[in-house]
Amino acid sequence: MSVSDAFESDADRTLSEAALRWRSRRGLLELELVLKPFLDHCLPGLDLANRRQYAALLEVDDCDLYDWIQERSPPEDPVFLPLLEVIREANRHPR
């Protein structure tokens, strides 16, 4: 195993379902409640690229992220728009 393989494995471990669920615990209860349907029904099927994008989304301030999900303000980076729509859709149609 090369050094770059080891780093990739460590990075991928931070994108595991358990790690992302833990990082999804927020200080803002309303945000946790909005993320829960997405975590339960969509996260297990996300590919690595979308998991990376979700991890980047979790770096955003809670209030800003909540406003983006609620469409009160647009995200700073439009690359997040498709994932935000998946989160919204998970709340519109919980399973």
Protein backbone atom coordinates (compact mmCIF):
# COMPACT_ATOMS: atom_id res chain seq x y z
CA MET A 1 0.00 0.00 0.00
CA SER A 2 1.39 3.37 -0.98
CA VAL A 3 1.27 6.45 1.21
CA SER A 4 -1.32 8.07 -1.09
CA ASP A 5 -3.50 4.93 -0.78
CA ALA A 6 -3.35 5.23 3.01
CA PHE A 7 -4.39 8.88 2.87
CA GLU A 8 -7.23 8.04 0.50
CA SER A 9 -8.41 5.33 2.90
CA ASP A 10 -8.32 7.73 5.85
CA ALA A 11 -10.22 10.36 3.84
CA ASP A 12 -12.78 7.79 2.75
CA ARG A 13 -13.25 6.67 6.36
CA THR A 14 -14.36 10.21 7.26
CA LEU A 15 -17.02 9.83 4.57
CA SER A 16 -18.49 6.63 5.98
CA GLU A 17 -22.17 6.65 6.81
CA ALA A 18 -21.44 6.54 10.55
CA ALA A 19 -18.96 9.42 10.35
CA LEU A 20 -21.32 11.60 8.31
CA ARG A 21 -24.22 10.83 10.65
CA TRP A 22 -22.07 11.90 13.60
CA ARG A 23 -21.00 15.10 11.83
CA SER A 24 -24.67 15.81 11.04
CA ARG A 25 -25.39 16.32 14.72
CA ARG A 26 -25.93 20.06 14.92
CA GLY A 27 -26.35 22.73 17.55
CA LEU A 28 -29.56 23.84 15.85
CA LEU A 29 -32.29 21.28 16.54
CA GLU A 30 -34.40 22.43 13.59
CA LEU A 31 -31.50 21.66 11.26
CA GLU A 32 -31.03 18.18 12.73
CA LEU A 33 -34.73 17.48 12.19
CA VAL A 34 -34.50 18.61 8.56
CA LEU A 35 -31.40 16.47 7.91
CA LYS A 36 -32.82 13.29 9.50
CA PRO A 37 -35.02 12.12 6.57
CA PHE A 38 -32.09 12.68 4.21
CA LEU A 39 -29.75 10.73 6.49
CA ASP A 40 -32.19 7.86 6.89
CA HIS A 41 -33.27 7.46 3.27
CA CYS A 42 -30.65 9.03 1.00
CA LEU A 43 -27.25 8.86 2.68
CA PRO A 44 -26.82 5.08 2.38
CA GLY A 45 -27.10 5.31 -1.41
CA LEU A 46 -24.84 8.32 -1.95
CA ASP A 47 -21.73 7.79 -4.04
CA LEU A 48 -18.33 9.00 -2.88
CA ALA A 49 -18.52 12.30 -4.80
CA ASN A 50 -21.87 13.20 -3.21
CA ARG A 51 -20.62 12.15 0.22
CA ARG A 52 -17.71 14.54 -0.23
CA GLN A 53 -20.11 17.29 -1.21
CA TYR A 54 -22.32 16.54 1.82
CA ALA A 55 -19.23 16.64 4.06
CA ALA A 56 -18.39 20.07 2.60
CA LEU A 57 -21.97 21.20 3.23
CA LEU A 58 -21.58 20.22 6.89
CA GLU A 59 -18.75 22.76 7.20
CA VAL A 60 -21.27 25.58 6.69
CA ASP A 61 -22.61 27.51 9.67
CA ASP A 62 -25.83 25.96 11.01
CA CYS A 63 -27.98 29.06 10.47
CA ASP A 64 -26.72 29.54 6.91
CA LEU A 65 -27.24 25.87 6.07
CA TYR A 66 -30.76 25.93 7.50
CA ASP A 67 -31.56 29.05 5.47
CA TRP A 68 -30.24 27.39 2.30
CA ILE A 69 -32.36 24.28 2.88
CA GLN A 70 -35.43 26.42 3.61
CA GLU A 71 -34.66 28.51 0.49
CA ARG A 72 -34.49 31.71 2.51
CA SER A 73 -31.15 32.52 0.88
CA PRO A 74 -29.09 30.94 -1.90
CA PRO A 75 -25.94 28.98 -1.13
CA GLU A 76 -22.65 30.80 -1.60
CA ASP A 77 -21.60 28.11 -4.08
CA PRO A 78 -24.26 26.91 -6.55
CA VAL A 79 -22.58 23.49 -6.65
CA PHE A 80 -24.59 22.71 -3.50
CA LEU A 81 -27.98 23.30 -5.16
CA PRO A 82 -28.61 19.71 -6.36
CA LEU A 83 -27.77 18.22 -2.96
CA LEU A 84 -29.89 20.81 -1.17
CA GLU A 85 -32.79 19.82 -3.42
CA VAL A 86 -32.31 16.15 -2.48
CA ILE A 87 -32.45 17.14 1.21
CA ARG A 88 -35.63 19.16 0.60
CA GLU A 89 -37.20 16.32 -1.37
CA ALA A 90 -36.45 13.86 1.45
CA ASN A 91 -38.47 16.13 3.75
CA ARG A 92 -41.36 16.54 1.32
CA HIS A 93 -41.74 12.81 0.83
CA PRO A 94 -40.51 10.98 3.94
CA ARG A 95 -40.69 7.22 3.61
